[in-house]
Amino acid sequence: MHDRLVAEPIRLTYEDFCALPDDGRRYEIIDGDLFMSPSPEIPHQTVVINLAAILHQHVRKEKLGKVLVAPSDVLLGEHDIVEPDIIFISKERLSIVTQKNIQGAPDLLIEVLSPSTSRRDVRDKRNLDARSGVRYYWMLDSHGPRVTELQLTEGEYAVVKELSGDAIFEPACFPDLKINLAGLLE
C-alpha cells in the first residue's frame, strides 16, 4: 500500500502579488487566495472621485493624516493584500505608510460596492478588516446612493450609521464633516 501525498494549498504572499502582470486589472489576496476585479462602472468611479476629493480636502485642512485611493497596496498580513477604493491613515499612524505600500491597518477603509465585487466587500473584506484592526469600514452603494458606516468594537464591526438617498452623512470618524450622499453621484 502506498502512502498518499496530499498537496498543501498554496497561500500567496506579497512577493507573489508583486509578480503579477501589470495588465490593468485589480488584484487582491485574501487569506492567501487571489482575486481579480474587472474595471469598475462609471457610477462607482464617480462616487470614488467625489468622496475622495471631499475627504482629502477635509483631512488636509484639519491636518488629520493622509487620504489615498486605489490602487494602493494595503498589507494587512502575510497572506492578505487588499486595494480598497479609499484609505485614510491618521497622522498618529502615518508610520505604516511606506514608499511602496501601507503596512498594517489603516484607520478607515472605504469600499464602493460594484455588482462584481459586492459579495467580497460585504463579507470577506469586512471580516478581514475587522480581524486586522481597521477601526472604521464604510460600504457605499453607488446606485442608491447608500452608505453603511461600521466601527470596530471588541474585534467585530458594529453598524454606526446606515443612510441613503439625499441624507447628510456625518461620519463618526470625522465629527466635523457633513457629506451629501446624493451629491456623490454628480
N, C-alpha and C. Protein backbone atom coordinates (compact mmCIF):
# COMPACT_ATOMS: atom_id res chain seq x y z
N MET A 1 0.84 -1.18 0.00
CA MET A 1 0.00 0.00 0.00
C MET A 1 0.89 1.24 0.00
N HIS A 2 0.54 2.19 -0.83
CA HIS A 2 1.32 3.42 -0.95
C HIS A 2 0.71 4.52 -0.10
N ASP A 3 1.60 5.31 0.48
CA ASP A 3 1.12 6.49 1.21
C ASP A 3 0.68 7.53 0.19
N ARG A 4 -0.43 8.14 0.46
CA ARG A 4 -0.93 9.19 -0.43
C ARG A 4 -0.31 10.52 -0.05
N LEU A 5 0.14 11.22 -1.04
CA LEU A 5 0.67 12.56 -0.81
C LEU A 5 -0.46 13.57 -1.04
N VAL A 6 -0.63 14.42 -0.08
CA VAL A 6 -1.64 15.45 -0.20
C VAL A 6 -0.92 16.79 -0.26
N ALA A 7 -1.17 17.50 -1.33
CA ALA A 7 -0.52 18.79 -1.50
C ALA A 7 -1.14 19.82 -0.56
N GLU A 8 -0.28 20.59 0.06
CA GLU A 8 -0.75 21.70 0.89
C GLU A 8 -1.28 22.78 -0.04
N PRO A 9 -2.36 23.45 0.34
CA PRO A 9 -2.84 24.54 -0.50
C PRO A 9 -1.80 25.65 -0.58
N ILE A 10 -1.71 26.25 -1.73
CA ILE A 10 -0.77 27.36 -1.92
C ILE A 10 -1.42 28.62 -1.38
N ARG A 11 -0.70 29.32 -0.51
CA ARG A 11 -1.17 30.59 0.04
C ARG A 11 -0.24 31.67 -0.46
N LEU A 12 -0.76 32.54 -1.28
CA LEU A 12 0.04 33.59 -1.90
C LEU A 12 0.44 34.65 -0.89
N THR A 13 1.55 35.34 -1.19
CA THR A 13 2.10 36.38 -0.33
C THR A 13 2.26 37.68 -1.14
N TYR A 14 2.79 38.71 -0.49
CA TYR A 14 3.02 39.98 -1.18
C TYR A 14 4.06 39.81 -2.30
N GLU A 15 5.02 38.95 -2.09
CA GLU A 15 6.01 38.67 -3.15
C GLU A 15 5.31 38.13 -4.39
N ASP A 16 4.37 37.22 -4.22
CA ASP A 16 3.59 36.70 -5.35
C ASP A 16 2.75 37.81 -5.97
N PHE A 17 2.18 38.65 -5.11
CA PHE A 17 1.35 39.77 -5.56
C PHE A 17 2.16 40.70 -6.47
N CYS A 18 3.38 41.01 -6.06
CA CYS A 18 4.24 41.91 -6.85
C CYS A 18 4.66 41.29 -8.18
N ALA A 19 4.61 39.97 -8.27
CA ALA A 19 5.00 39.29 -9.51
C ALA A 19 3.84 39.18 -10.51
N LEU A 20 2.64 39.60 -10.12
CA LEU A 20 1.50 39.54 -11.03
C LEU A 20 1.72 40.50 -12.19
N PRO A 21 1.14 40.19 -13.36
CA PRO A 21 1.36 41.06 -14.52
C PRO A 21 0.71 42.43 -14.33
N ASP A 22 1.32 43.43 -14.91
CA ASP A 22 0.76 44.78 -14.90
C ASP A 22 -0.17 44.88 -16.11
N ASP A 23 -1.36 44.30 -15.97
CA ASP A 23 -2.28 44.16 -17.09
C ASP A 23 -3.53 45.03 -16.97
N GLY A 24 -3.50 46.00 -16.04
CA GLY A 24 -4.63 46.90 -15.89
C GLY A 24 -5.75 46.36 -15.02
N ARG A 25 -5.64 45.12 -14.57
CA ARG A 25 -6.65 44.55 -13.68
C ARG A 25 -6.27 44.83 -12.23
N ARG A 26 -7.28 44.81 -11.35
CA ARG A 26 -7.04 44.98 -9.92
C ARG A 26 -7.03 43.61 -9.27
N TYR A 27 -5.96 43.32 -8.57
CA TYR A 27 -5.83 42.05 -7.88
C TYR A 27 -5.79 42.28 -6.38
N GLU A 28 -6.26 41.29 -5.62
CA GLU A 28 -6.15 41.29 -4.17
C GLU A 28 -5.88 39.86 -3.73
N ILE A 29 -5.25 39.73 -2.58
CA ILE A 29 -5.03 38.41 -1.98
C ILE A 29 -5.69 38.43 -0.62
N ILE A 30 -6.65 37.52 -0.43
CA ILE A 30 -7.36 37.40 0.83
C ILE A 30 -7.19 35.98 1.33
N ASP A 31 -6.60 35.86 2.52
CA ASP A 31 -6.30 34.55 3.12
C ASP A 31 -5.51 33.68 2.15
N GLY A 32 -4.59 34.31 1.41
CA GLY A 32 -3.72 33.58 0.51
C GLY A 32 -4.30 33.27 -0.85
N ASP A 33 -5.59 33.57 -1.08
CA ASP A 33 -6.25 33.30 -2.35
C ASP A 33 -6.28 34.57 -3.21
N LEU A 34 -6.05 34.40 -4.50
CA LEU A 34 -6.00 35.51 -5.44
C LEU A 34 -7.39 35.82 -5.99
N PHE A 35 -7.73 37.11 -6.00
CA PHE A 35 -8.98 37.59 -6.58
C PHE A 35 -8.67 38.69 -7.58
N MET A 36 -9.40 38.68 -8.70
CA MET A 36 -9.24 39.70 -9.72
C MET A 36 -10.57 40.42 -9.86
N SER A 37 -10.51 41.74 -10.03
CA SER A 37 -11.73 42.52 -10.23
C SER A 37 -11.69 43.20 -11.58
N PRO A 38 -12.80 43.16 -12.31
CA PRO A 38 -12.85 43.91 -13.56
C PRO A 38 -12.89 45.41 -13.28
N SER A 39 -12.71 46.20 -14.30
CA SER A 39 -12.77 47.65 -14.13
C SER A 39 -14.14 48.05 -13.60
N PRO A 40 -14.17 49.00 -12.66
CA PRO A 40 -15.45 49.43 -12.10
C PRO A 40 -16.28 50.22 -13.10
N GLU A 41 -17.59 50.26 -12.85
CA GLU A 41 -18.50 51.03 -13.69
C GLU A 41 -18.36 52.53 -13.38
N ILE A 42 -18.90 53.34 -14.27
CA ILE A 42 -18.79 54.80 -14.14
C ILE A 42 -19.42 55.34 -12.85
N PRO A 43 -20.63 54.90 -12.42
CA PRO A 43 -21.16 55.41 -11.15
C PRO A 43 -20.22 55.11 -9.97
N HIS A 44 -19.59 53.97 -9.97
CA HIS A 44 -18.62 53.60 -8.94
C HIS A 44 -17.49 54.61 -8.92
N GLN A 45 -16.90 54.87 -10.08
CA GLN A 45 -15.77 55.78 -10.17
C GLN A 45 -16.17 57.22 -9.82
N THR A 46 -17.39 57.60 -10.17
CA THR A 46 -17.89 58.93 -9.83
C THR A 46 -17.95 59.11 -8.32
N VAL A 47 -18.49 58.10 -7.61
CA VAL A 47 -18.56 58.17 -6.15
C VAL A 47 -17.16 58.19 -5.55
N VAL A 48 -16.26 57.35 -6.05
CA VAL A 48 -14.90 57.31 -5.52
C VAL A 48 -14.21 58.66 -5.65
N ILE A 49 -14.26 59.26 -6.83
CA ILE A 49 -13.54 60.52 -7.04
C ILE A 49 -14.17 61.64 -6.21
N ASN A 50 -15.49 61.70 -6.15
CA ASN A 50 -16.15 62.75 -5.37
C ASN A 50 -15.90 62.60 -3.87
N LEU A 51 -16.03 61.38 -3.36
CA LEU A 51 -15.81 61.16 -1.93
C LEU A 51 -14.35 61.37 -1.57
N ALA A 52 -13.45 60.88 -2.39
CA ALA A 52 -12.01 61.07 -2.12
C ALA A 52 -11.66 62.56 -2.09
N ALA A 53 -12.24 63.33 -2.99
CA ALA A 53 -11.97 64.78 -3.02
C ALA A 53 -12.48 65.45 -1.74
N ILE A 54 -13.67 65.08 -1.30
CA ILE A 54 -14.24 65.65 -0.06
C ILE A 54 -13.36 65.29 1.13
N LEU A 55 -13.00 64.01 1.24
CA LEU A 55 -12.19 63.56 2.36
C LEU A 55 -10.79 64.18 2.33
N HIS A 56 -10.19 64.22 1.15
CA HIS A 56 -8.85 64.79 1.02
C HIS A 56 -8.84 66.26 1.47
N GLN A 57 -9.81 67.01 1.01
CA GLN A 57 -9.89 68.44 1.37
C GLN A 57 -10.06 68.58 2.89
N HIS A 58 -10.96 67.81 3.48
CA HIS A 58 -11.21 67.90 4.92
C HIS A 58 -9.98 67.48 5.73
N VAL A 59 -9.40 66.34 5.37
CA VAL A 59 -8.24 65.81 6.10
C VAL A 59 -7.06 66.75 5.99
N ARG A 60 -6.86 67.32 4.81
CA ARG A 60 -5.74 68.24 4.62
C ARG A 60 -5.95 69.54 5.40
N LYS A 61 -7.16 70.09 5.32
CA LYS A 61 -7.48 71.34 6.03
C LYS A 61 -7.30 71.18 7.53
N GLU A 62 -7.76 70.06 8.07
CA GLU A 62 -7.71 69.81 9.51
C GLU A 62 -6.40 69.16 9.97
N LYS A 63 -5.51 68.86 9.00
CA LYS A 63 -4.22 68.21 9.29
C LYS A 63 -4.42 66.92 10.09
N LEU A 64 -5.30 66.04 9.54
CA LEU A 64 -5.67 64.81 10.24
C LEU A 64 -4.84 63.60 9.83
N GLY A 65 -4.20 63.65 8.67
CA GLY A 65 -3.43 62.49 8.20
C GLY A 65 -3.35 62.47 6.69
N LYS A 66 -3.66 61.31 6.09
CA LYS A 66 -3.49 61.13 4.65
C LYS A 66 -4.65 60.32 4.08
N VAL A 67 -5.13 60.73 2.90
CA VAL A 67 -6.16 60.01 2.15
C VAL A 67 -5.52 59.50 0.87
N LEU A 68 -5.72 58.23 0.58
CA LEU A 68 -5.20 57.62 -0.65
C LEU A 68 -6.34 56.90 -1.37
N VAL A 69 -6.17 56.68 -2.66
CA VAL A 69 -7.16 55.94 -3.45
C VAL A 69 -6.49 54.76 -4.14
N ALA A 70 -7.32 53.83 -4.60
CA ALA A 70 -6.83 52.66 -5.33
C ALA A 70 -6.22 53.12 -6.64
N PRO A 71 -5.23 52.42 -7.11
CA PRO A 71 -4.62 51.26 -6.47
C PRO A 71 -3.52 51.65 -5.48
N SER A 72 -3.70 51.26 -4.24
CA SER A 72 -2.70 51.41 -3.19
C SER A 72 -2.70 50.11 -2.39
N ASP A 73 -1.57 49.43 -2.37
CA ASP A 73 -1.49 48.14 -1.69
C ASP A 73 -1.55 48.32 -0.18
N VAL A 74 -2.46 47.60 0.46
CA VAL A 74 -2.58 47.59 1.92
C VAL A 74 -2.28 46.18 2.39
N LEU A 75 -1.15 46.04 3.10
CA LEU A 75 -0.73 44.73 3.60
C LEU A 75 -1.28 44.56 5.01
N LEU A 76 -2.34 43.76 5.12
CA LEU A 76 -2.96 43.52 6.41
C LEU A 76 -2.37 42.30 7.10
N GLY A 77 -1.60 41.52 6.37
CA GLY A 77 -0.95 40.33 6.90
C GLY A 77 -0.15 39.69 5.79
N GLU A 78 0.58 38.64 6.13
CA GLU A 78 1.44 37.97 5.15
C GLU A 78 0.66 37.47 3.94
N HIS A 79 -0.57 37.03 4.15
CA HIS A 79 -1.38 36.46 3.08
C HIS A 79 -2.63 37.31 2.78
N ASP A 80 -2.59 38.58 3.16
CA ASP A 80 -3.75 39.46 2.97
C ASP A 80 -3.30 40.82 2.44
N ILE A 81 -3.51 41.03 1.14
CA ILE A 81 -3.16 42.27 0.47
C ILE A 81 -4.40 42.77 -0.24
N VAL A 82 -4.90 43.93 0.15
CA VAL A 82 -6.12 44.47 -0.44
C VAL A 82 -5.85 45.83 -1.06
N GLU A 83 -6.76 46.24 -1.94
CA GLU A 83 -6.69 47.54 -2.58
C GLU A 83 -8.06 48.21 -2.46
N PRO A 84 -8.34 48.77 -1.27
CA PRO A 84 -9.63 49.44 -1.07
C PRO A 84 -9.76 50.64 -1.99
N ASP A 85 -11.00 51.07 -2.21
CA ASP A 85 -11.23 52.23 -3.08
C ASP A 85 -10.63 53.49 -2.47
N ILE A 86 -10.84 53.71 -1.16
CA ILE A 86 -10.33 54.89 -0.48
C ILE A 86 -9.77 54.47 0.87
N ILE A 87 -8.67 55.10 1.26
CA ILE A 87 -7.97 54.76 2.50
C ILE A 87 -7.69 56.04 3.29
N PHE A 88 -7.89 55.98 4.60
CA PHE A 88 -7.49 57.10 5.47
C PHE A 88 -6.58 56.55 6.56
N ILE A 89 -5.44 57.24 6.73
CA ILE A 89 -4.49 56.92 7.81
C ILE A 89 -4.31 58.20 8.62
N SER A 90 -4.57 58.11 9.92
CA SER A 90 -4.44 59.28 10.79
C SER A 90 -2.98 59.67 10.92
N LYS A 91 -2.74 60.94 11.26
CA LYS A 91 -1.36 61.44 11.37
C LYS A 91 -0.58 60.68 12.43
N GLU A 92 -1.25 60.18 13.46
CA GLU A 92 -0.57 59.42 14.51
C GLU A 92 -0.06 58.07 14.00
N ARG A 93 -0.61 57.59 12.89
CA ARG A 93 -0.26 56.26 12.39
C ARG A 93 0.42 56.30 11.02
N LEU A 94 0.89 57.45 10.60
CA LEU A 94 1.50 57.58 9.27
C LEU A 94 2.74 56.73 9.09
N SER A 95 3.31 56.22 10.16
CA SER A 95 4.50 55.37 10.04
C SER A 95 4.20 54.06 9.30
N ILE A 96 2.93 53.69 9.14
CA ILE A 96 2.61 52.45 8.40
C ILE A 96 2.65 52.68 6.89
N VAL A 97 2.76 53.94 6.47
CA VAL A 97 2.82 54.27 5.05
C VAL A 97 4.28 54.28 4.60
N THR A 98 4.60 53.42 3.62
CA THR A 98 5.94 53.39 3.06
C THR A 98 5.87 53.93 1.63
N GLN A 99 7.01 54.03 0.99
CA GLN A 99 7.06 54.48 -0.40
C GLN A 99 6.27 53.55 -1.32
N LYS A 100 6.25 52.25 -0.97
CA LYS A 100 5.66 51.24 -1.84
C LYS A 100 4.24 50.83 -1.46
N ASN A 101 3.91 50.86 -0.16
CA ASN A 101 2.63 50.32 0.27
C ASN A 101 2.28 50.79 1.68
N ILE A 102 1.17 50.28 2.19
CA ILE A 102 0.74 50.54 3.56
C ILE A 102 0.89 49.22 4.31
N GLN A 103 1.65 49.24 5.39
CA GLN A 103 1.96 48.02 6.12
C GLN A 103 1.27 48.02 7.47
N GLY A 104 0.04 47.55 7.47
CA GLY A 104 -0.76 47.50 8.67
C GLY A 104 -2.14 48.05 8.43
N ALA A 105 -2.92 48.10 9.49
CA ALA A 105 -4.33 48.51 9.39
C ALA A 105 -4.48 50.02 9.38
N PRO A 106 -5.03 50.58 8.29
CA PRO A 106 -5.38 51.99 8.27
C PRO A 106 -6.52 52.27 9.26
N ASP A 107 -6.80 53.54 9.50
CA ASP A 107 -7.90 53.91 10.39
C ASP A 107 -9.26 53.69 9.73
N LEU A 108 -9.32 53.90 8.41
CA LEU A 108 -10.58 53.78 7.67
C LEU A 108 -10.32 53.19 6.30
N LEU A 109 -11.13 52.20 5.94
CA LEU A 109 -11.13 51.67 4.58
C LEU A 109 -12.54 51.84 4.02
N ILE A 110 -12.61 52.28 2.77
CA ILE A 110 -13.90 52.53 2.13
C ILE A 110 -13.98 51.70 0.86
N GLU A 111 -15.08 50.98 0.73
CA GLU A 111 -15.35 50.22 -0.49
C GLU A 111 -16.65 50.74 -1.11
N VAL A 112 -16.58 51.09 -2.38
CA VAL A 112 -17.77 51.43 -3.14
C VAL A 112 -18.18 50.14 -3.83
N LEU A 113 -19.37 49.67 -3.52
CA LEU A 113 -19.81 48.36 -3.98
C LEU A 113 -20.11 48.34 -5.47
N SER A 114 -19.63 47.28 -6.11
CA SER A 114 -19.91 47.02 -7.52
C SER A 114 -20.57 45.65 -7.60
N PRO A 115 -21.40 45.41 -8.61
CA PRO A 115 -22.04 44.10 -8.71
C PRO A 115 -21.04 42.94 -8.69
N SER A 116 -19.89 43.13 -9.31
CA SER A 116 -18.93 42.03 -9.40
C SER A 116 -18.13 41.81 -8.12
N THR A 117 -18.10 42.79 -7.20
CA THR A 117 -17.26 42.65 -6.00
C THR A 117 -18.03 42.82 -4.69
N SER A 118 -19.32 43.13 -4.74
CA SER A 118 -20.04 43.48 -3.52
C SER A 118 -20.06 42.33 -2.50
N ARG A 119 -20.20 41.11 -2.96
CA ARG A 119 -20.21 39.97 -2.02
C ARG A 119 -18.90 39.89 -1.25
N ARG A 120 -17.79 40.05 -1.97
CA ARG A 120 -16.47 40.01 -1.34
C ARG A 120 -16.28 41.19 -0.38
N ASP A 121 -16.73 42.38 -0.80
CA ASP A 121 -16.58 43.57 0.04
C ASP A 121 -17.43 43.48 1.31
N VAL A 122 -18.67 43.01 1.17
CA VAL A 122 -19.61 42.96 2.29
C VAL A 122 -19.25 41.86 3.28
N ARG A 123 -18.70 40.75 2.81
CA ARG A 123 -18.42 39.63 3.70
C ARG A 123 -16.92 39.44 3.95
N ASP A 124 -16.18 39.04 2.93
CA ASP A 124 -14.78 38.64 3.10
C ASP A 124 -13.89 39.78 3.56
N LYS A 125 -13.94 40.90 2.85
CA LYS A 125 -13.06 42.02 3.20
C LYS A 125 -13.48 42.68 4.50
N ARG A 126 -14.77 42.72 4.75
CA ARG A 126 -15.27 43.25 6.02
C ARG A 126 -14.71 42.43 7.19
N ASN A 127 -14.80 41.11 7.10
CA ASN A 127 -14.28 40.25 8.16
C ASN A 127 -12.77 40.36 8.30
N LEU A 128 -12.07 40.42 7.17
CA LEU A 128 -10.61 40.57 7.19
C LEU A 128 -10.22 41.89 7.84
N ASP A 129 -10.89 42.97 7.46
CA ASP A 129 -10.57 44.28 8.02
C ASP A 129 -10.80 44.30 9.54
N ALA A 130 -11.86 43.68 10.00
CA ALA A 130 -12.13 43.62 11.44
C ALA A 130 -11.03 42.82 12.15
N ARG A 131 -10.68 41.67 11.61
CA ARG A 131 -9.60 40.85 12.21
C ARG A 131 -8.28 41.60 12.23
N SER A 132 -8.07 42.47 11.25
CA SER A 132 -6.80 43.18 11.12
C SER A 132 -6.74 44.45 11.94
N GLY A 133 -7.85 44.88 12.52
CA GLY A 133 -7.85 46.05 13.38
C GLY A 133 -8.15 47.37 12.70
N VAL A 134 -8.78 47.34 11.51
CA VAL A 134 -9.18 48.57 10.84
C VAL A 134 -10.35 49.16 11.64
N ARG A 135 -10.18 50.38 12.18
CA ARG A 135 -11.16 50.96 13.11
C ARG A 135 -12.52 51.25 12.47
N TYR A 136 -12.52 51.75 11.24
CA TYR A 136 -13.77 52.08 10.56
C TYR A 136 -13.77 51.48 9.16
N TYR A 137 -14.97 51.04 8.75
CA TYR A 137 -15.16 50.47 7.42
C TYR A 137 -16.46 51.03 6.87
N TRP A 138 -16.37 51.66 5.69
CA TRP A 138 -17.57 52.18 5.05
C TRP A 138 -17.83 51.38 3.79
N MET A 139 -19.11 51.08 3.56
CA MET A 139 -19.54 50.46 2.32
C MET A 139 -20.56 51.40 1.68
N LEU A 140 -20.29 51.80 0.45
CA LEU A 140 -21.20 52.68 -0.27
C LEU A 140 -21.74 51.98 -1.49
N ASP A 141 -23.04 52.05 -1.67
CA ASP A 141 -23.68 51.52 -2.87
C ASP A 141 -23.93 52.72 -3.77
N SER A 142 -23.25 52.76 -4.89
CA SER A 142 -23.34 53.92 -5.78
C SER A 142 -24.68 54.02 -6.49
N HIS A 143 -25.47 52.98 -6.47
CA HIS A 143 -26.76 53.03 -7.17
C HIS A 143 -27.87 53.57 -6.29
N GLY A 144 -27.59 53.82 -5.00
CA GLY A 144 -28.60 54.29 -4.06
C GLY A 144 -28.78 55.78 -4.07
N PRO A 145 -27.85 56.60 -3.72
CA PRO A 145 -26.66 56.14 -3.01
C PRO A 145 -27.02 55.73 -1.58
N ARG A 146 -26.22 54.85 -1.02
CA ARG A 146 -26.44 54.32 0.32
C ARG A 146 -25.08 54.12 0.96
N VAL A 147 -24.97 54.44 2.26
CA VAL A 147 -23.73 54.24 2.99
C VAL A 147 -24.02 53.46 4.27
N THR A 148 -23.13 52.54 4.59
CA THR A 148 -23.13 51.85 5.87
C THR A 148 -21.78 52.13 6.51
N GLU A 149 -21.81 52.73 7.70
CA GLU A 149 -20.58 53.02 8.43
C GLU A 149 -20.47 52.01 9.58
N LEU A 150 -19.35 51.32 9.63
CA LEU A 150 -19.09 50.33 10.67
C LEU A 150 -17.92 50.77 11.52
N GLN A 151 -17.98 50.46 12.80
CA GLN A 151 -16.89 50.78 13.72
C GLN A 151 -16.49 49.51 14.47
N LEU A 152 -15.18 49.33 14.61
CA LEU A 152 -14.65 48.16 15.29
C LEU A 152 -14.91 48.27 16.79
N THR A 153 -15.58 47.27 17.34
CA THR A 153 -15.89 47.21 18.75
C THR A 153 -15.65 45.78 19.22
N GLU A 154 -14.67 45.60 20.12
CA GLU A 154 -14.35 44.28 20.66
C GLU A 154 -14.10 43.24 19.56
N GLY A 155 -13.34 43.64 18.55
CA GLY A 155 -12.93 42.72 17.49
C GLY A 155 -13.95 42.47 16.40
N GLU A 156 -15.12 43.12 16.47
CA GLU A 156 -16.15 42.95 15.45
C GLU A 156 -16.69 44.32 15.05
N TYR A 157 -17.25 44.37 13.85
CA TYR A 157 -17.84 45.63 13.40
C TYR A 157 -19.28 45.75 13.89
N ALA A 158 -19.59 46.95 14.35
CA ALA A 158 -20.96 47.32 14.70
C ALA A 158 -21.39 48.44 13.78
N VAL A 159 -22.63 48.40 13.33
CA VAL A 159 -23.15 49.44 12.46
C VAL A 159 -23.31 50.73 13.26
N VAL A 160 -22.68 51.80 12.79
CA VAL A 160 -22.81 53.11 13.41
C VAL A 160 -23.96 53.87 12.75
N LYS A 161 -23.96 53.85 11.40
CA LYS A 161 -24.99 54.57 10.65
C LYS A 161 -25.27 53.83 9.35
N GLU A 162 -26.53 53.92 8.93
CA GLU A 162 -26.94 53.48 7.60
C GLU A 162 -27.85 54.57 7.06
N LEU A 163 -27.43 55.16 5.95
CA LEU A 163 -28.19 56.27 5.36
C LEU A 163 -28.30 56.05 3.86
N SER A 164 -29.31 56.67 3.27
CA SER A 164 -29.45 56.57 1.81
C SER A 164 -30.14 57.80 1.26
N GLY A 165 -30.21 57.85 -0.07
CA GLY A 165 -30.88 58.94 -0.76
C GLY A 165 -30.18 60.26 -0.62
N ASP A 166 -30.93 61.29 -0.25
CA ASP A 166 -30.35 62.63 -0.15
C ASP A 166 -29.99 62.99 1.29
N ALA A 167 -29.75 61.99 2.12
CA ALA A 167 -29.37 62.21 3.52
C ALA A 167 -28.00 62.88 3.61
N ILE A 168 -27.77 63.53 4.73
CA ILE A 168 -26.46 64.11 5.02
C ILE A 168 -25.75 63.15 5.96
N PHE A 169 -24.60 62.67 5.54
CA PHE A 169 -23.80 61.69 6.29
C PHE A 169 -22.79 62.45 7.13
N GLU A 170 -22.85 62.26 8.45
CA GLU A 170 -21.89 62.84 9.38
C GLU A 170 -21.11 61.68 10.00
N PRO A 171 -19.94 61.36 9.42
CA PRO A 171 -19.19 60.18 9.85
C PRO A 171 -18.67 60.29 11.29
N ALA A 172 -18.72 59.18 12.00
CA ALA A 172 -18.23 59.13 13.38
C ALA A 172 -16.73 59.44 13.45
N CYS A 173 -15.98 59.03 12.44
CA CYS A 173 -14.52 59.23 12.48
C CYS A 173 -14.11 60.64 12.03
N PHE A 174 -15.03 61.43 11.48
CA PHE A 174 -14.79 62.82 11.11
C PHE A 174 -15.96 63.66 11.62
N PRO A 175 -16.02 63.95 12.93
CA PRO A 175 -17.20 64.59 13.51
C PRO A 175 -17.57 65.95 12.93
N ASP A 176 -16.64 66.66 12.33
CA ASP A 176 -16.93 67.99 11.78
C ASP A 176 -17.23 67.96 10.28
N LEU A 177 -17.44 66.77 9.72
CA LEU A 177 -17.65 66.64 8.29
C LEU A 177 -19.10 66.27 7.99
N LYS A 178 -19.66 66.90 6.96
CA LYS A 178 -21.01 66.58 6.50
C LYS A 178 -20.91 66.25 5.00
N ILE A 179 -21.43 65.09 4.62
CA ILE A 179 -21.35 64.64 3.23
C ILE A 179 -22.77 64.44 2.70
N ASN A 180 -23.10 65.14 1.63
CA ASN A 180 -24.39 64.98 0.95
C ASN A 180 -24.30 63.73 0.09
N LEU A 181 -24.99 62.66 0.47
CA LEU A 181 -24.89 61.40 -0.27
C LEU A 181 -25.28 61.55 -1.75
N ALA A 182 -26.38 62.22 -2.00
CA ALA A 182 -26.82 62.38 -3.39
C ALA A 182 -25.77 63.13 -4.22
N GLY A 183 -25.05 64.05 -3.58
CA GLY A 183 -24.02 64.82 -4.29
C GLY A 183 -22.85 63.97 -4.75
N LEU A 184 -22.67 62.78 -4.17
CA LEU A 184 -21.57 61.91 -4.57
C LEU A 184 -21.74 61.36 -5.98
N LEU A 185 -22.97 61.36 -6.48
CA LEU A 185 -23.24 60.83 -7.83
C LEU A 185 -23.14 61.89 -8.91
N GLU A 186 -22.95 63.16 -8.52
CA GLU A 186 -22.92 64.24 -9.51
C GLU A 186 -21.59 64.31 -10.22
